[in-house]
């Protein structure tokens, strides 16, 4: 599994209870995100709708996941 270059996108939704959500890339494609992959200066790892984020994508054959 290789990791691609940094991309920018926007948070579509994020559920704090389940720790998962979706990010829309610049090309409109949706990507799964899990709280364990969030790098933040804040103690609590969360995302909010419409937040602008930078991310890398794992090339997993089963799911497009952010790393």
C-alpha atoms as a PDB file:
ATOM      1  CA  UNK A   1       0.000   0.000   0.000  1.00  0.00           C
ATOM      2  CA  UNK A   2       1.589   3.277  -1.083  1.00  0.00           C
ATOM      3  CA  UNK A   3       0.765   6.788   0.076  1.00  0.00           C
ATOM      4  CA  UNK A   4       0.184   9.598  -2.408  1.00  0.00           C
ATOM      5  CA  UNK A   5       0.985  13.317  -2.298  1.00  0.00           C
ATOM      6  CA  UNK A   6      -0.805  15.795  -0.022  1.00  0.00           C
ATOM      7  CA  UNK A   7      -4.236  16.862  -1.233  1.00  0.00           C
ATOM      8  CA  UNK A   8      -6.728  19.430   0.002  1.00  0.00           C
ATOM      9  CA  UNK A   9     -10.403  18.910   0.632  1.00  0.00           C
ATOM     10  CA  UNK A  10     -13.407  19.718   2.765  1.00  0.00           C
ATOM     11  CA  UNK A  11     -15.028  17.762   5.581  1.00  0.00           C
ATOM     12  CA  UNK A  12     -18.490  16.584   4.535  1.00  0.00           C
ATOM     13  CA  UNK A  13     -19.395  15.071   7.918  1.00  0.00           C
ATOM     14  CA  UNK A  14     -17.718  13.578  10.989  1.00  0.00           C
ATOM     15  CA  UNK A  15     -19.295  11.578  13.813  1.00  0.00           C
ATOM     16  CA  UNK A  16     -17.496  12.015  17.155  1.00  0.00           C
ATOM     17  CA  UNK A  17     -19.130   8.912  18.655  1.00  0.00           C
ATOM     18  CA  UNK A  18     -17.992   6.511  15.950  1.00  0.00           C
ATOM     19  CA  UNK A  19     -14.827   8.465  15.130  1.00  0.00           C
ATOM     20  CA  UNK A  20     -15.386   8.310  11.402  1.00  0.00           C
ATOM     21  CA  UNK A  21     -16.461  10.585   8.623  1.00  0.00           C
ATOM     22  CA  UNK A  22     -16.096  11.674   5.026  1.00  0.00           C
ATOM     23  CA  UNK A  23     -13.927  14.214   3.242  1.00  0.00           C
ATOM     24  CA  UNK A  24     -14.534  15.505  -0.274  1.00  0.00           C
ATOM     25  CA  UNK A  25     -11.355  15.968  -2.284  1.00  0.00           C
ATOM     26  CA  UNK A  26     -10.761  18.865  -4.671  1.00  0.00           C
ATOM     27  CA  UNK A  27     -11.898  16.667  -7.567  1.00  0.00           C
ATOM     28  CA  UNK A  28     -15.218  15.893  -5.803  1.00  0.00           C
ATOM     29  CA  UNK A  29     -14.285  12.334  -4.817  1.00  0.00           C
ATOM     30  CA  UNK A  30     -15.250  11.197  -1.291  1.00  0.00           C
ATOM     31  CA  UNK A  31     -12.808   9.599   1.143  1.00  0.00           C
ATOM     32  CA  UNK A  32     -13.312   7.765   4.440  1.00  0.00           C
ATOM     33  CA  UNK A  33     -11.552   9.222   7.484  1.00  0.00           C
ATOM     34  CA  UNK A  34     -11.071   7.671  10.943  1.00  0.00           C
ATOM     35  CA  UNK A  35     -10.155   9.674  14.044  1.00  0.00           C
ATOM     36  CA  UNK A  36      -6.942   7.672  14.497  1.00  0.00           C
ATOM     37  CA  UNK A  37      -5.552   9.283  11.322  1.00  0.00           C
ATOM     38  CA  UNK A  38      -6.224  12.881  12.423  1.00  0.00           C
ATOM     39  CA  UNK A  39      -3.128  14.867  13.303  1.00  0.00           C
ATOM     40  CA  UNK A  40      -4.028  17.890  15.376  1.00  0.00           C
ATOM     41  CA  UNK A  41      -2.445  20.240  17.894  1.00  0.00           C
ATOM     42  CA  UNK A  42      -5.659  20.001  19.891  1.00  0.00           C
ATOM     43  CA  UNK A  43      -6.040  17.300  22.528  1.00  0.00           C
ATOM     44  CA  UNK A  44      -9.330  16.076  21.078  1.00  0.00           C
ATOM     45  CA  UNK A  45      -9.260  14.716  17.527  1.00  0.00           C
ATOM     46  CA  UNK A  46     -12.371  15.811  15.676  1.00  0.00           C
ATOM     47  CA  UNK A  47     -13.433  17.445  12.416  1.00  0.00           C
ATOM     48  CA  UNK A  48     -16.288  19.811  11.635  1.00  0.00           C
ATOM     49  CA  UNK A  49     -18.377  20.087   8.454  1.00  0.00           C
ATOM     50  CA  UNK A  50     -16.880  22.474   5.907  1.00  0.00           C
ATOM     51  CA  UNK A  51     -13.425  22.448   7.592  1.00  0.00           C
ATOM     52  CA  UNK A  52     -10.646  22.722   5.003  1.00  0.00           C
ATOM     53  CA  UNK A  53      -8.122  19.913   5.501  1.00  0.00           C
ATOM     54  CA  UNK A  54      -4.942  18.501   3.952  1.00  0.00           C
ATOM     55  CA  UNK A  55      -4.627  14.746   3.610  1.00  0.00           C
ATOM     56  CA  UNK A  56      -2.892  11.829   1.925  1.00  0.00           C
ATOM     57  CA  UNK A  57      -4.704   8.828   0.487  1.00  0.00           C
ATOM     58  CA  UNK A  58      -3.784   5.184   1.080  1.00  0.00           C
ATOM     59  CA  UNK A  59      -4.001   2.994  -2.019  1.00  0.00           C
ATOM     60  CA  UNK A  60      -6.133   0.292  -0.449  1.00  0.00           C
ATOM     61  CA  UNK A  61      -8.044  -1.875  -2.949  1.00  0.00           C
ATOM     62  CA  UNK A  62     -11.074  -2.089  -0.629  1.00  0.00           C
ATOM     63  CA  UNK A  63     -11.577   1.465   0.636  1.00  0.00           C
ATOM     64  CA  UNK A  64     -10.203   4.923  -0.189  1.00  0.00           C
ATOM     65  CA  UNK A  65      -8.912   5.910   3.223  1.00  0.00           C
ATOM     66  CA  UNK A  66      -6.999   8.944   4.352  1.00  0.00           C
ATOM     67  CA  UNK A  67      -3.752   8.487   6.197  1.00  0.00           C
END
